[in-house]
N, C-alpha and C. Protein backbone atom coordinates (compact mmCIF):
# COMPACT_ATOMS: atom_id res chain seq x y z
N MET A 1 0.84 -1.18 0.00
CA MET A 1 0.00 0.00 0.00
C MET A 1 0.88 1.25 0.00
N THR A 2 0.55 2.20 -0.83
CA THR A 2 1.32 3.44 -0.89
C THR A 2 0.93 4.35 0.27
N SER A 3 1.95 4.90 0.91
CA SER A 3 1.74 5.74 2.09
C SER A 3 2.67 6.94 2.06
N ARG A 4 2.44 7.82 3.01
CA ARG A 4 3.31 8.97 3.26
C ARG A 4 3.66 8.92 4.74
N ALA A 5 4.92 9.15 5.06
CA ALA A 5 5.35 9.20 6.45
C ALA A 5 6.14 10.48 6.67
N GLU A 6 5.73 11.24 7.68
CA GLU A 6 6.49 12.41 8.13
C GLU A 6 7.25 11.96 9.36
N VAL A 7 8.58 12.04 9.29
CA VAL A 7 9.43 11.39 10.29
C VAL A 7 10.42 12.38 10.88
N ARG A 8 10.66 12.28 12.18
CA ARG A 8 11.68 13.08 12.86
C ARG A 8 12.62 12.10 13.56
N PHE A 9 13.91 12.18 13.22
CA PHE A 9 14.95 11.35 13.83
C PHE A 9 15.69 12.20 14.85
N ARG A 10 15.87 11.66 16.06
CA ARG A 10 16.59 12.37 17.12
C ARG A 10 17.74 11.50 17.60
N GLY A 11 18.82 12.15 17.99
CA GLY A 11 20.03 11.47 18.44
C GLY A 11 21.23 12.14 17.80
N ARG A 12 22.27 11.35 17.52
CA ARG A 12 23.43 11.89 16.80
C ARG A 12 23.16 11.67 15.31
N VAL A 13 22.45 12.61 14.70
CA VAL A 13 22.01 12.44 13.32
C VAL A 13 22.45 13.58 12.40
N GLN A 14 23.16 14.56 12.94
CA GLN A 14 23.72 15.62 12.10
C GLN A 14 25.24 15.53 12.14
N GLY A 15 25.86 15.86 11.01
CA GLY A 15 27.32 15.80 10.92
C GLY A 15 27.86 14.40 10.72
N VAL A 16 26.99 13.45 10.35
CA VAL A 16 27.41 12.05 10.16
C VAL A 16 26.92 11.50 8.82
N HIS A 17 26.62 12.38 7.87
CA HIS A 17 26.13 12.01 6.53
C HIS A 17 24.79 11.30 6.57
N PHE A 18 23.99 11.60 7.58
CA PHE A 18 22.68 10.96 7.74
C PHE A 18 21.75 11.26 6.57
N ARG A 19 21.75 12.51 6.10
CA ARG A 19 20.87 12.87 4.99
C ARG A 19 21.26 12.14 3.71
N GLU A 20 22.56 12.01 3.46
CA GLU A 20 23.01 11.29 2.26
C GLU A 20 22.61 9.82 2.34
N PHE A 21 22.78 9.19 3.50
CA PHE A 21 22.35 7.80 3.66
C PHE A 21 20.84 7.68 3.46
N THR A 22 20.09 8.67 3.96
CA THR A 22 18.64 8.65 3.78
C THR A 22 18.29 8.68 2.30
N ARG A 23 18.95 9.54 1.55
CA ARG A 23 18.71 9.62 0.11
C ARG A 23 19.06 8.30 -0.58
N ARG A 24 20.21 7.73 -0.25
CA ARG A 24 20.65 6.47 -0.88
C ARG A 24 19.69 5.32 -0.60
N PHE A 25 19.36 5.14 0.68
CA PHE A 25 18.45 4.05 1.05
C PHE A 25 17.08 4.25 0.39
N SER A 26 16.60 5.49 0.37
CA SER A 26 15.29 5.76 -0.22
C SER A 26 15.28 5.47 -1.71
N LYS A 27 16.30 5.93 -2.42
CA LYS A 27 16.37 5.68 -3.86
C LYS A 27 16.46 4.19 -4.14
N ARG A 28 17.26 3.48 -3.35
CA ARG A 28 17.43 2.03 -3.54
C ARG A 28 16.09 1.30 -3.38
N LEU A 29 15.24 1.78 -2.48
CA LEU A 29 13.98 1.11 -2.19
C LEU A 29 12.77 1.74 -2.89
N GLY A 30 13.03 2.70 -3.79
CA GLY A 30 11.95 3.29 -4.57
C GLY A 30 11.06 4.25 -3.80
N VAL A 31 11.62 4.87 -2.77
CA VAL A 31 10.88 5.82 -1.94
C VAL A 31 11.24 7.24 -2.37
N THR A 32 10.25 8.11 -2.48
CA THR A 32 10.48 9.50 -2.85
C THR A 32 10.26 10.40 -1.64
N GLY A 33 10.68 11.69 -1.77
CA GLY A 33 10.46 12.65 -0.70
C GLY A 33 11.65 13.55 -0.50
N TRP A 34 11.88 13.94 0.76
CA TRP A 34 13.00 14.82 1.08
C TRP A 34 13.45 14.61 2.52
N VAL A 35 14.65 15.14 2.81
CA VAL A 35 15.22 15.08 4.16
C VAL A 35 15.96 16.38 4.41
N LYS A 36 15.90 16.88 5.67
CA LYS A 36 16.65 18.10 5.99
C LYS A 36 17.02 18.13 7.47
N ASN A 37 18.13 18.83 7.76
CA ASN A 37 18.54 19.08 9.14
C ASN A 37 17.63 20.14 9.75
N MET A 38 17.37 19.98 11.05
CA MET A 38 16.54 20.94 11.77
C MET A 38 17.41 21.70 12.77
N PRO A 39 17.03 22.92 13.14
CA PRO A 39 17.83 23.72 14.07
C PRO A 39 18.05 23.07 15.43
N ASP A 40 17.15 22.20 15.86
CA ASP A 40 17.28 21.57 17.18
C ASP A 40 18.21 20.36 17.18
N GLY A 41 18.86 20.06 16.05
CA GLY A 41 19.79 18.94 15.97
C GLY A 41 19.16 17.66 15.46
N SER A 42 17.87 17.67 15.23
CA SER A 42 17.20 16.49 14.69
C SER A 42 17.22 16.55 13.16
N VAL A 43 16.72 15.49 12.54
CA VAL A 43 16.58 15.44 11.09
C VAL A 43 15.12 15.12 10.79
N GLU A 44 14.54 15.88 9.87
CA GLU A 44 13.16 15.67 9.46
C GLU A 44 13.14 15.11 8.05
N ALA A 45 12.22 14.18 7.79
CA ALA A 45 12.09 13.61 6.46
C ALA A 45 10.62 13.37 6.15
N VAL A 46 10.31 13.45 4.87
CA VAL A 46 9.00 13.05 4.37
C VAL A 46 9.25 11.98 3.33
N PHE A 47 8.63 10.82 3.52
CA PHE A 47 8.78 9.69 2.62
C PHE A 47 7.44 9.37 1.98
N GLU A 48 7.45 9.02 0.69
CA GLU A 48 6.28 8.48 0.02
C GLU A 48 6.70 7.25 -0.77
N GLY A 49 5.88 6.21 -0.67
CA GLY A 49 6.15 4.96 -1.37
C GLY A 49 5.39 3.84 -0.71
N GLU A 50 5.78 2.62 -1.03
CA GLU A 50 5.16 1.47 -0.40
C GLU A 50 5.47 1.48 1.09
N SER A 51 4.48 1.20 1.90
CA SER A 51 4.64 1.24 3.36
C SER A 51 5.82 0.40 3.82
N GLU A 52 5.96 -0.81 3.25
CA GLU A 52 7.04 -1.70 3.64
C GLU A 52 8.40 -1.10 3.30
N ALA A 53 8.50 -0.42 2.17
CA ALA A 53 9.77 0.21 1.77
C ALA A 53 10.11 1.36 2.71
N ILE A 54 9.12 2.16 3.07
CA ILE A 54 9.36 3.26 4.01
C ILE A 54 9.82 2.71 5.35
N GLU A 55 9.16 1.67 5.83
CA GLU A 55 9.55 1.05 7.10
C GLU A 55 10.98 0.53 7.04
N GLU A 56 11.38 -0.02 5.89
CA GLU A 56 12.74 -0.53 5.74
C GLU A 56 13.76 0.61 5.73
N VAL A 57 13.46 1.72 5.08
CA VAL A 57 14.36 2.88 5.11
C VAL A 57 14.56 3.34 6.55
N ILE A 58 13.48 3.46 7.30
CA ILE A 58 13.56 3.90 8.69
C ILE A 58 14.38 2.90 9.51
N ARG A 59 14.16 1.61 9.29
CA ARG A 59 14.92 0.58 10.01
C ARG A 59 16.41 0.67 9.69
N LEU A 60 16.74 0.79 8.41
CA LEU A 60 18.15 0.88 8.01
C LEU A 60 18.82 2.09 8.64
N LEU A 61 18.14 3.22 8.63
CA LEU A 61 18.72 4.43 9.23
C LEU A 61 18.88 4.29 10.73
N SER A 62 17.96 3.61 11.37
CA SER A 62 17.98 3.46 12.83
C SER A 62 18.99 2.43 13.29
N GLU A 63 19.25 1.41 12.46
CA GLU A 63 20.07 0.28 12.90
C GLU A 63 21.38 0.11 12.15
N ASP A 64 21.44 0.51 10.89
CA ASP A 64 22.59 0.16 10.05
C ASP A 64 23.48 1.32 9.64
N HIS A 65 23.22 2.52 10.11
CA HIS A 65 24.07 3.66 9.76
C HIS A 65 25.36 3.54 10.57
N PRO A 66 26.53 3.60 9.92
CA PRO A 66 27.79 3.36 10.63
C PRO A 66 28.19 4.42 11.65
N ASN A 67 27.73 5.66 11.50
CA ASN A 67 28.18 6.74 12.39
C ASN A 67 27.08 7.41 13.19
N ALA A 68 25.85 7.25 12.76
CA ALA A 68 24.73 7.90 13.47
C ALA A 68 24.30 7.05 14.66
N ARG A 69 23.64 7.72 15.58
CA ARG A 69 22.98 7.01 16.69
C ARG A 69 21.57 7.58 16.79
N VAL A 70 20.60 6.81 16.38
CA VAL A 70 19.20 7.25 16.43
C VAL A 70 18.64 6.83 17.78
N ASP A 71 18.29 7.83 18.59
CA ASP A 71 17.73 7.57 19.92
C ASP A 71 16.21 7.50 19.90
N HIS A 72 15.59 8.23 18.99
CA HIS A 72 14.13 8.27 18.97
C HIS A 72 13.65 8.62 17.56
N VAL A 73 12.56 7.99 17.15
CA VAL A 73 11.96 8.26 15.85
C VAL A 73 10.48 8.54 16.06
N ASP A 74 10.02 9.70 15.59
CA ASP A 74 8.59 10.03 15.58
C ASP A 74 8.09 9.85 14.16
N ILE A 75 7.00 9.11 14.00
CA ILE A 75 6.44 8.85 12.67
C ILE A 75 4.96 9.21 12.66
N ILE A 76 4.57 9.97 11.67
CA ILE A 76 3.16 10.25 11.42
C ILE A 76 2.83 9.67 10.05
N TRP A 77 1.93 8.69 10.01
CA TRP A 77 1.51 8.06 8.75
C TRP A 77 0.31 8.81 8.19
N LEU A 78 0.38 9.13 6.90
CA LEU A 78 -0.67 9.89 6.23
C LEU A 78 -0.94 9.29 4.85
N PRO A 79 -2.05 9.65 4.23
CA PRO A 79 -2.27 9.24 2.84
C PRO A 79 -1.26 9.95 1.94
N PRO A 80 -0.82 9.30 0.87
CA PRO A 80 0.16 9.95 -0.02
C PRO A 80 -0.45 11.13 -0.77
N LYS A 81 0.41 12.10 -1.07
CA LYS A 81 0.00 13.25 -1.88
C LYS A 81 0.54 13.13 -3.31
N ASN A 82 1.45 12.16 -3.52
CA ASN A 82 2.05 11.93 -4.84
C ASN A 82 2.66 13.20 -5.42
N GLU A 83 3.39 13.94 -4.58
CA GLU A 83 3.97 15.21 -5.02
C GLU A 83 5.45 15.12 -5.35
N PHE A 84 6.08 13.96 -5.19
CA PHE A 84 7.52 13.83 -5.41
C PHE A 84 7.80 12.87 -6.56
N SER A 85 8.88 13.14 -7.29
CA SER A 85 9.31 12.21 -8.34
C SER A 85 10.67 11.61 -8.03
N THR A 86 11.34 12.14 -7.02
CA THR A 86 12.66 11.67 -6.63
C THR A 86 12.82 11.89 -5.12
N PHE A 87 14.03 11.66 -4.61
CA PHE A 87 14.30 11.93 -3.20
C PHE A 87 15.39 12.99 -3.13
N GLU A 88 15.13 14.07 -2.38
CA GLU A 88 16.05 15.21 -2.34
C GLU A 88 16.55 15.49 -0.94
N ILE A 89 17.75 16.06 -0.89
CA ILE A 89 18.31 16.58 0.36
C ILE A 89 18.07 18.08 0.37
N HIS A 90 17.45 18.57 1.40
CA HIS A 90 17.21 20.03 1.55
C HIS A 90 18.18 20.60 2.56
């Protein structure tokens, strides 16, 4: 099922190439959207794609990133808006 997830990653997620890994994992799994650093040190992302693919991107970022430490993930699941054609770093 196609979904949209608005996600906030908290922990050591800036200065460790987290956004680039997010883009790579998302492209590999066919997920579109964007990712950006936030002033409070967290990283915000919007993902659109198959629910299972989005869940896998989040899992990979939380468990398999070599330098990041994800302490907390907030996820809001929404219906897709189909507004993205690729995945971008903002």
